[in-house]
Amino acid sequence: SGGGLVQAGGSLRLSCAASGRAFS
């Protein structure tokens, strides 16, 4: 999540949520 439309020079922060016990 976190994608979108931005102008050059701008910023975005993407996130990736994982299911439980599937990350660490």
PDB file of all heavy atoms in Angstrom:
ATOM      1  N   SER A   1       0.843  -1.178   0.000  1.00  0.00           N
ATOM      2  CA  SER A   1       0.000   0.000   0.000  1.00  0.00           C
ATOM      3  C   SER A   1       0.887   1.238   0.000  1.00  0.00           C
ATOM      4  O   SER A   1       2.089   1.147   0.212  1.00  0.00           O
ATOM      5  CB  SER A   1      -0.936   0.020   1.210  1.00  0.00           C
ATOM      6  OG  SER A   1      -0.206   0.065   2.422  1.00  0.00           O
ATOM      7  N   GLY A   2       0.285   2.387  -0.240  1.00  0.00           N
ATOM      8  CA  GLY A   2       1.007   3.642  -0.186  1.00  0.00           C
ATOM      9  C   GLY A   2       1.368   4.237  -1.525  1.00  0.00           C
ATOM     10  O   GLY A   2       1.904   5.344  -1.584  1.00  0.00           O
ATOM     11  N   GLY A   3       1.087   3.522  -2.600  1.00  0.00           N
ATOM     12  CA  GLY A   3       1.379   4.063  -3.909  1.00  0.00           C
ATOM     13  C   GLY A   3       0.444   5.202  -4.261  1.00  0.00           C
ATOM     14  O   GLY A   3      -0.561   5.434  -3.600  1.00  0.00           O
ATOM     15  N   GLY A   4       0.793   5.909  -5.317  1.00  0.00           N
ATOM     16  CA  GLY A   4      -0.022   7.024  -5.748  1.00  0.00           C
ATOM     17  C   GLY A   4       0.661   7.826  -6.818  1.00  0.00           C
ATOM     18  O   GLY A   4       1.659   7.399  -7.397  1.00  0.00           O
ATOM     19  N   LEU A   5       0.104   8.993  -7.072  1.00  0.00           N
ATOM     20  CA  LEU A   5       0.617   9.911  -8.082  1.00  0.00           C
ATOM     21  C   LEU A   5       1.305  11.081  -7.398  1.00  0.00           C
ATOM     22  O   LEU A   5       0.707  11.746  -6.544  1.00  0.00           O
ATOM     23  CB  LEU A   5      -0.521  10.411  -8.966  1.00  0.00           C
ATOM     24  CG  LEU A   5      -0.189  11.506  -9.975  1.00  0.00           C
ATOM     25  CD1 LEU A   5       0.805  10.995 -11.009  1.00  0.00           C
ATOM     26  CD2 LEU A   5      -1.461  12.003 -10.641  1.00  0.00           C
ATOM     27  N   VAL A   6       2.547  11.324  -7.771  1.00  0.00           N
ATOM     28  CA  VAL A   6       3.302  12.444  -7.220  1.00  0.00           C
ATOM     29  C   VAL A   6       4.078  13.129  -8.331  1.00  0.00           C
ATOM     30  O   VAL A   6       4.349  12.538  -9.380  1.00  0.00           O
ATOM     31  CB  VAL A   6       4.279  12.009  -6.106  1.00  0.00           C
ATOM     32  CG1 VAL A   6       3.532  11.419  -4.924  1.00  0.00           C
ATOM     33  CG2 VAL A   6       5.288  11.010  -6.651  1.00  0.00           C
ATOM     34  N   GLN A   7       4.436  14.367  -8.082  1.00  0.00           N
ATOM     35  CA  GLN A   7       5.279  15.094  -9.014  1.00  0.00           C
ATOM     36  C   GLN A   7       6.741  14.760  -8.772  1.00  0.00           C
ATOM     37  O   GLN A   7       7.126  14.347  -7.676  1.00  0.00           O
ATOM     38  CB  GLN A   7       5.062  16.599  -8.873  1.00  0.00           C
ATOM     39  CG  GLN A   7       3.708  17.081  -9.345  1.00  0.00           C
ATOM     40  CD  GLN A   7       3.590  18.590  -9.320  1.00  0.00           C
ATOM     41  OE1 GLN A   7       4.066  19.241  -8.396  1.00  0.00           O
ATOM     42  NE2 GLN A   7       2.955  19.142 -10.341  1.00  0.00           N
ATOM     43  N   ALA A   8       7.534  14.922  -9.801  1.00  0.00           N
ATOM     44  CA  ALA A   8       8.967  14.711  -9.657  1.00  0.00           C
ATOM     45  C   ALA A   8       9.508  15.539  -8.502  1.00  0.00           C
ATOM     46  O   ALA A   8       9.153  16.709  -8.342  1.00  0.00           O
ATOM     47  CB  ALA A   8       9.685  15.060 -10.950  1.00  0.00           C
ATOM     48  N   GLY A   9      10.353  14.912  -7.709  1.00  0.00           N
ATOM     49  CA  GLY A   9      10.898  15.556  -6.532  1.00  0.00           C
ATOM     50  C   GLY A   9      10.118  15.285  -5.268  1.00  0.00           C
ATOM     51  O   GLY A   9      10.600  15.589  -4.168  1.00  0.00           O
ATOM     52  N   GLY A  10       8.947  14.704  -5.406  1.00  0.00           N
ATOM     53  CA  GLY A  10       8.117  14.405  -4.258  1.00  0.00           C
ATOM     54  C   GLY A  10       8.514  13.113  -3.575  1.00  0.00           C
ATOM     55  O   GLY A  10       9.480  12.453  -3.953  1.00  0.00           O
ATOM     56  N   SER A  11       7.727  12.748  -2.567  1.00  0.00           N
ATOM     57  CA  SER A  11       8.029  11.578  -1.757  1.00  0.00           C
ATOM     58  C   SER A  11       6.800  10.709  -1.565  1.00  0.00           C
ATOM     59  O   SER A  11       5.663  11.187  -1.572  1.00  0.00           O
ATOM     60  CB  SER A  11       8.558  11.988  -0.374  1.00  0.00           C
ATOM     61  OG  SER A  11       9.761  12.712  -0.468  1.00  0.00           O
ATOM     62  N   LEU A  12       7.042   9.430  -1.387  1.00  0.00           N
ATOM     63  CA  LEU A  12       6.019   8.466  -1.029  1.00  0.00           C
ATOM     64  C   LEU A  12       6.619   7.467  -0.055  1.00  0.00           C
ATOM     65  O   LEU A  12       7.820   7.211  -0.090  1.00  0.00           O
ATOM     66  CB  LEU A  12       5.491   7.711  -2.249  1.00  0.00           C
ATOM     67  CG  LEU A  12       4.525   8.412  -3.192  1.00  0.00           C
ATOM     68  CD1 LEU A  12       4.273   7.529  -4.409  1.00  0.00           C
ATOM     69  CD2 LEU A  12       3.218   8.730  -2.492  1.00  0.00           C
ATOM     70  N   ARG A  13       5.776   6.916   0.785  1.00  0.00           N
ATOM     71  CA  ARG A  13       6.190   5.848   1.672  1.00  0.00           C
ATOM     72  C   ARG A  13       5.314   4.632   1.419  1.00  0.00           C
ATOM     73  O   ARG A  13       4.109   4.668   1.661  1.00  0.00           O
ATOM     74  CB  ARG A  13       6.081   6.262   3.136  1.00  0.00           C
ATOM     75  CG  ARG A  13       6.746   5.275   4.095  1.00  0.00           C
ATOM     76  CD  ARG A  13       6.360   5.545   5.527  1.00  0.00           C
ATOM     77  NE  ARG A  13       7.218   4.844   6.469  1.00  0.00           N
ATOM     78  CZ  ARG A  13       6.898   4.604   7.730  1.00  0.00           C
ATOM     79  NH1 ARG A  13       5.736   5.032   8.220  1.00  0.00           N
ATOM     80  NH2 ARG A  13       7.743   3.962   8.520  1.00  0.00           N
ATOM     81  N   LEU A  14       5.928   3.570   0.938  1.00  0.00           N
ATOM     82  CA  LEU A  14       5.219   2.337   0.681  1.00  0.00           C
ATOM     83  C   LEU A  14       5.283   1.427   1.895  1.00  0.00           C
ATOM     84  O   LEU A  14       6.272   1.423   2.628  1.00  0.00           O
ATOM     85  CB  LEU A  14       5.818   1.605  -0.519  1.00  0.00           C
ATOM     86  CG  LEU A  14       5.924   2.392  -1.829  1.00  0.00           C
ATOM     87  CD1 LEU A  14       6.466   1.476  -2.924  1.00  0.00           C
ATOM     88  CD2 LEU A  14       4.583   2.982  -2.223  1.00  0.00           C
ATOM     89  N   SER A  15       4.228   0.668   2.089  1.00  0.00           N
ATOM     90  CA  SER A  15       4.179  -0.305   3.161  1.00  0.00           C
ATOM     91  C   SER A  15       3.832  -1.667   2.592  1.00  0.00           C
ATOM     92  O   SER A  15       3.144  -1.778   1.579  1.00  0.00           O
ATOM     93  CB  SER A  15       3.133   0.086   4.215  1.00  0.00           C
ATOM     94  OG  SER A  15       3.451   1.310   4.824  1.00  0.00           O
ATOM     95  N   CYS A  16       4.308  -2.689   3.243  1.00  0.00           N
ATOM     96  CA  CYS A  16       3.987  -4.061   2.889  1.00  0.00           C
ATOM     97  C   CYS A  16       3.653  -4.793   4.168  1.00  0.00           C
ATOM     98  O   CYS A  16       4.529  -5.012   5.010  1.00  0.00           O
ATOM     99  CB  CYS A  16       5.159  -4.724   2.167  1.00  0.00           C
ATOM    100  SG  CYS A  16       4.940  -6.486   1.861  1.00  0.00           S
ATOM    101  N   ALA A  17       2.397  -5.154   4.311  1.00  0.00           N
ATOM    102  CA  ALA A  17       1.937  -5.864   5.493  1.00  0.00           C
ATOM    103  C   ALA A  17       1.940  -7.364   5.229  1.00  0.00           C
ATOM    104  O   ALA A  17       1.379  -7.822   4.235  1.00  0.00           O
ATOM    105  CB  ALA A  17       0.540  -5.397   5.883  1.00  0.00           C
ATOM    106  N   ALA A  18       2.557  -8.097   6.113  1.00  0.00           N
ATOM    107  CA  ALA A  18       2.657  -9.543   5.979  1.00  0.00           C
ATOM    108  C   ALA A  18       1.749 -10.232   6.979  1.00  0.00           C
ATOM    109  O   ALA A  18       1.442  -9.700   8.040  1.00  0.00           O
ATOM    110  CB  ALA A  18       4.096  -9.997   6.182  1.00  0.00           C
ATOM    111  N   SER A  19       1.312 -11.412   6.622  1.00  0.00           N
ATOM    112  CA  SER A  19       0.499 -12.204   7.523  1.00  0.00           C
ATOM    113  C   SER A  19       1.313 -12.614   8.736  1.00  0.00           C
ATOM    114  O   SER A  19       2.543 -12.654   8.697  1.00  0.00           O
ATOM    115  CB  SER A  19      -0.065 -13.427   6.804  1.00  0.00           C
ATOM    116  OG  SER A  19       0.984 -14.244   6.300  1.00  0.00           O
ATOM    117  N   GLY A  20       0.621 -12.929   9.799  1.00  0.00           N
ATOM    118  CA  GLY A  20       1.271 -13.285  11.040  1.00  0.00           C
ATOM    119  C   GLY A  20       2.201 -14.480  10.901  1.00  0.00           C
ATOM    120  O   GLY A  20       1.906 -15.421  10.166  1.00  0.00           O
ATOM    121  N   ARG A  21       3.321 -14.410  11.594  1.00  0.00           N
ATOM    122  CA  ARG A  21       4.322 -15.463  11.615  1.00  0.00           C
ATOM    123  C   ARG A  21       4.928 -15.742  10.245  1.00  0.00           C
ATOM    124  O   ARG A  21       5.469 -16.820  10.014  1.00  0.00           O
ATOM    125  CB  ARG A  21       3.744 -16.750  12.209  1.00  0.00           C
ATOM    126  CG  ARG A  21       3.316 -16.605  13.651  1.00  0.00           C
ATOM    127  CD  ARG A  21       2.708 -17.891  14.179  1.00  0.00           C
ATOM    128  NE  ARG A  21       2.345 -17.772  15.585  1.00  0.00           N
ATOM    129  CZ  ARG A  21       1.192 -17.291  16.015  1.00  0.00           C
ATOM    130  NH1 ARG A  21       0.275 -16.881  15.145  1.00  0.00           N
ATOM    131  NH2 ARG A  21       0.938 -17.216  17.311  1.00  0.00           N
ATOM    132  N   ALA A  22       4.837 -14.800   9.358  1.00  0.00           N
ATOM    133  CA  ALA A  22       5.399 -14.944   8.015  1.00  0.00           C
ATOM    134  C   ALA A  22       6.402 -13.840   7.700  1.00  0.00           C
ATOM    135  O   ALA A  22       6.741 -13.640   6.541  1.00  0.00           O
ATOM    136  CB  ALA A  22       4.294 -14.955   6.975  1.00  0.00           C
ATOM    137  N   PHE A  23       6.867 -13.142   8.720  1.00  0.00           N
ATOM    138  CA  PHE A  23       7.714 -11.988   8.516  1.00  0.00           C
ATOM    139  C   PHE A  23       9.070 -12.138   9.205  1.00  0.00           C
ATOM    140  O   PHE A  23      10.112 -12.066   8.553  1.00  0.00           O
ATOM    141  CB  PHE A  23       7.000 -10.734   9.020  1.00  0.00           C
ATOM    142  CG  PHE A  23       7.643  -9.442   8.608  1.00  0.00           C
ATOM    143  CD1 PHE A  23       7.472  -8.944   7.339  1.00  0.00           C
ATOM    144  CD2 PHE A  23       8.414  -8.735   9.517  1.00  0.00           C
ATOM    145  CE1 PHE A  23       8.057  -7.748   6.966  1.00  0.00           C
ATOM    146  CE2 PHE A  23       8.998  -7.531   9.152  1.00  0.00           C
ATOM    147  CZ  PHE A  23       8.820  -7.041   7.870  1.00  0.00           C
ATOM    148  N   SER A  24       9.048 -12.323  10.497  1.00  0.00           N
ATOM    149  CA  SER A  24      10.302 -12.454  11.232  1.00  0.00           C
ATOM    150  C   SER A  24      11.082 -13.666  10.739  1.00  0.00           C
ATOM    151  O   SER A  24      10.521 -14.724  10.480  1.00  0.00           O
ATOM    152  CB  SER A  24      10.029 -12.589  12.732  1.00  0.00           C
ATOM    153  OG  SER A  24       9.418 -11.424  13.243  1.00  0.00           O
TER     154      SER A  24
END
